[in-house]
Amino acid sequence: MNTNRLSNTLSDGLNAQVTKEAAAAQTY
């Protein structure tokens, strides 16, 4: 298993979630 790839995938997912939350916050 490529743990580095897994880590990058998790990081990308987290960044996407943060971005989505920030975008949602901007609408208020």
Protein backbone atom coordinates (compact mmCIF):
# COMPACT_ATOMS: atom_id res chain seq x y z
CA MET A 1 0.00 0.00 0.00
CA ASN A 2 1.28 3.44 -0.88
CA THR A 3 0.80 5.35 2.36
CA ASN A 4 2.02 8.57 0.78
CA ARG A 5 -0.73 8.38 -1.84
CA LEU A 6 -3.29 7.62 0.87
CA SER A 7 -2.07 10.59 2.89
CA ASN A 8 -2.34 12.85 -0.15
CA THR A 9 -5.86 11.61 -0.85
CA LEU A 10 -6.92 12.31 2.72
CA SER A 11 -5.26 15.72 2.61
CA ASP A 12 -7.01 16.59 -0.65
CA GLY A 13 -10.32 15.48 0.82
CA LEU A 14 -9.78 17.58 3.92
CA ASN A 15 -8.78 20.62 1.86
CA ALA A 16 -11.87 20.20 -0.30
CA GLN A 17 -14.07 20.02 2.80
CA VAL A 18 -12.47 23.14 4.29
CA THR A 19 -12.88 24.97 0.98
CA LYS A 20 -16.53 23.92 0.78
CA GLU A 21 -17.15 25.06 4.36
CA ALA A 22 -15.44 28.38 3.70
CA ALA A 23 -17.49 28.90 0.54
CA ALA A 24 -20.67 28.11 2.46
CA ALA A 25 -19.71 30.58 5.18
CA GLN A 26 -19.27 33.31 2.55
CA THR A 27 -22.93 32.98 1.60
CA TYR A 28 -24.13 34.12 5.02
